[in-house]
C-alpha atoms as a PDB file:
ATOM      1  CA  UNK A   1       0.038  -0.041  -0.089  1.00  0.00           C
ATOM      2  CA  UNK A   2       1.197   3.492  -0.668  1.00  0.00           C
ATOM      3  CA  UNK A   3       1.734   6.359   1.962  1.00  0.00           C
ATOM      4  CA  UNK A   4       0.177   9.679   2.646  1.00  0.00           C
ATOM      5  CA  UNK A   5       1.323  12.402   4.796  1.00  0.00           C
ATOM      6  CA  UNK A   6      -1.295  14.400   6.756  1.00  0.00           C
ATOM      7  CA  UNK A   7       0.114  17.834   7.801  1.00  0.00           C
ATOM      8  CA  UNK A   8      -2.038  20.228   9.453  1.00  0.00           C
ATOM      9  CA  UNK A   9      -1.400  23.794  11.629  1.00  0.00           C
ATOM     10  CA  UNK A  10      -3.362  24.778  14.610  1.00  0.00           C
ATOM     11  CA  UNK A  11      -5.944  27.783  14.268  1.00  0.00           C
ATOM     12  CA  UNK A  12      -4.613  30.821  16.789  1.00  0.00           C
ATOM     13  CA  UNK A  13      -5.557  29.916  20.216  1.00  0.00           C
ATOM     14  CA  UNK A  14      -6.530  26.427  19.826  1.00  0.00           C
ATOM     15  CA  UNK A  15      -3.956  25.203  22.478  1.00  0.00           C
ATOM     16  CA  UNK A  16      -6.309  24.557  25.242  1.00  0.00           C
ATOM     17  CA  UNK A  17      -8.556  22.718  22.544  1.00  0.00           C
ATOM     18  CA  UNK A  18      -5.607  20.618  21.604  1.00  0.00           C
ATOM     19  CA  UNK A  19      -4.483  19.395  24.854  1.00  0.00           C
ATOM     20  CA  UNK A  20      -8.275  18.666  25.549  1.00  0.00           C
ATOM     21  CA  UNK A  21      -8.510  16.524  23.074  1.00  0.00           C
ATOM     22  CA  UNK A  22      -4.563  15.087  22.873  1.00  0.00           C
ATOM     23  CA  UNK A  23      -4.633  11.779  24.724  1.00  0.00           C
ATOM     24  CA  UNK A  24      -7.745  10.902  22.845  1.00  0.00           C
ATOM     25  CA  UNK A  25      -6.175  11.690  19.557  1.00  0.00           C
ATOM     26  CA  UNK A  26      -2.980   9.580  20.535  1.00  0.00           C
ATOM     27  CA  UNK A  27      -5.274   6.560  21.310  1.00  0.00           C
ATOM     28  CA  UNK A  28      -7.125   7.093  18.165  1.00  0.00           C
ATOM     29  CA  UNK A  29      -4.376   6.788  15.615  1.00  0.00           C
ATOM     30  CA  UNK A  30      -2.837   4.049  16.999  1.00  0.00           C
ATOM     31  CA  UNK A  31      -5.822   2.081  15.969  1.00  0.00           C
ATOM     32  CA  UNK A  32      -5.908   0.871  12.520  1.00  0.00           C
ATOM     33  CA  UNK A  33      -9.018   1.097  10.415  1.00  0.00           C
ATOM     34  CA  UNK A  34      -9.944  -0.288   6.988  1.00  0.00           C
ATOM     35  CA  UNK A  35      -7.213   0.073   4.583  1.00  0.00           C
ATOM     36  CA  UNK A  36      -5.584   2.462   6.929  1.00  0.00           C
ATOM     37  CA  UNK A  37      -3.353   3.081   9.551  1.00  0.00           C
ATOM     38  CA  UNK A  38      -0.777   5.635  10.962  1.00  0.00           C
ATOM     39  CA  UNK A  39       2.639   4.421  10.708  1.00  0.00           C
ATOM     40  CA  UNK A  40       4.401   7.264  12.114  1.00  0.00           C
ATOM     41  CA  UNK A  41       3.560  11.183  13.677  1.00  0.00           C
ATOM     42  CA  UNK A  42       4.253  13.969  15.994  1.00  0.00           C
ATOM     43  CA  UNK A  43       3.302  17.414  16.432  1.00  0.00           C
ATOM     44  CA  UNK A  44       4.300  20.480  14.785  1.00  0.00           C
ATOM     45  CA  UNK A  45       6.599  22.604  17.503  1.00  0.00           C
ATOM     46  CA  UNK A  46       7.291  26.203  17.837  1.00  0.00           C
ATOM     47  CA  UNK A  47      10.955  27.582  16.831  1.00  0.00           C
ATOM     48  CA  UNK A  48      11.916  27.444  20.201  1.00  0.00           C
ATOM     49  CA  UNK A  49      10.391  23.682  20.451  1.00  0.00           C
ATOM     50  CA  UNK A  50       7.905  25.137  23.474  1.00  0.00           C
ATOM     51  CA  UNK A  51       4.587  24.919  22.055  1.00  0.00           C
ATOM     52  CA  UNK A  52       2.676  22.677  19.778  1.00  0.00           C
ATOM     53  CA  UNK A  53       1.476  24.260  16.401  1.00  0.00           C
ATOM     54  CA  UNK A  54       0.481  21.335  14.506  1.00  0.00           C
ATOM     55  CA  UNK A  55       0.320  17.699  13.812  1.00  0.00           C
ATOM     56  CA  UNK A  56       2.025  15.786  11.148  1.00  0.00           C
ATOM     57  CA  UNK A  57       0.900  11.826  10.576  1.00  0.00           C
ATOM     58  CA  UNK A  58       2.006   9.514   7.937  1.00  0.00           C
ATOM     59  CA  UNK A  59      -0.055   6.923   7.113  1.00  0.00           C
ATOM     60  CA  UNK A  60      -0.049   3.648   4.815  1.00  0.00           C
ATOM     61  CA  UNK A  61      -3.373   3.225   3.069  1.00  0.00           C
ATOM     62  CA  UNK A  62      -5.016   1.825   0.343  1.00  0.00           C
ATOM     63  CA  UNK A  63      -5.854   5.363  -1.221  1.00  0.00           C
ATOM     64  CA  UNK A  64      -6.490   9.135   0.042  1.00  0.00           C
ATOM     65  CA  UNK A  65     -10.052   8.470   0.494  1.00  0.00           C
ATOM     66  CA  UNK A  66      -9.226   6.263   3.391  1.00  0.00           C
ATOM     67  CA  UNK A  67      -6.876   8.874   5.002  1.00  0.00           C
ATOM     68  CA  UNK A  68      -9.633  11.473   4.452  1.00  0.00           C
ATOM     69  CA  UNK A  69     -12.092   9.057   6.290  1.00  0.00           C
ATOM     70  CA  UNK A  70      -9.415   8.531   9.389  1.00  0.00           C
ATOM     71  CA  UNK A  71      -8.121  11.776   9.839  1.00  0.00           C
ATOM     72  CA  UNK A  72     -11.971  12.839   9.609  1.00  0.00           C
ATOM     73  CA  UNK A  73     -13.031  10.754  12.954  1.00  0.00           C
ATOM     74  CA  UNK A  74      -9.726  12.382  14.850  1.00  0.00           C
ATOM     75  CA  UNK A  75     -10.664  13.819  18.265  1.00  0.00           C
ATOM     76  CA  UNK A  76      -8.706  16.824  16.958  1.00  0.00           C
ATOM     77  CA  UNK A  77     -11.202  17.283  14.356  1.00  0.00           C
ATOM     78  CA  UNK A  78     -13.989  17.352  16.588  1.00  0.00           C
ATOM     79  CA  UNK A  79     -12.227  19.945  18.568  1.00  0.00           C
ATOM     80  CA  UNK A  80     -11.565  21.910  15.199  1.00  0.00           C
ATOM     81  CA  UNK A  81      -8.094  22.729  16.408  1.00  0.00           C
ATOM     82  CA  UNK A  82      -6.880  22.788  12.799  1.00  0.00           C
ATOM     83  CA  UNK A  83      -6.766  25.952  10.990  1.00  0.00           C
ATOM     84  CA  UNK A  84      -5.808  23.833   7.645  1.00  0.00           C
ATOM     85  CA  UNK A  85      -4.722  20.627   6.560  1.00  0.00           C
ATOM     86  CA  UNK A  86      -3.371  18.731   3.634  1.00  0.00           C
ATOM     87  CA  UNK A  87      -2.711  15.252   2.633  1.00  0.00           C
ATOM     88  CA  UNK A  88      -0.017  14.139   0.267  1.00  0.00           C
END
């Protein structure tokens, strides 16, 4: 299966919402779904390395739609923390 990268940048002021959903998000990405599993990832950090500013995840998936379905159910999406995101 091919690999895909999901990259998302937080909206301003999303830090509290991010922390509220973080443990649920971390548990969620460890569970493979039909045709999609997260193989690596972590937070994007500010230049000083002190504050999380986004998310980068690498997926092994049958297609882009499987990745879209996976990330659409991520607890971070429910908290609406991202200003924008991309899948490559």
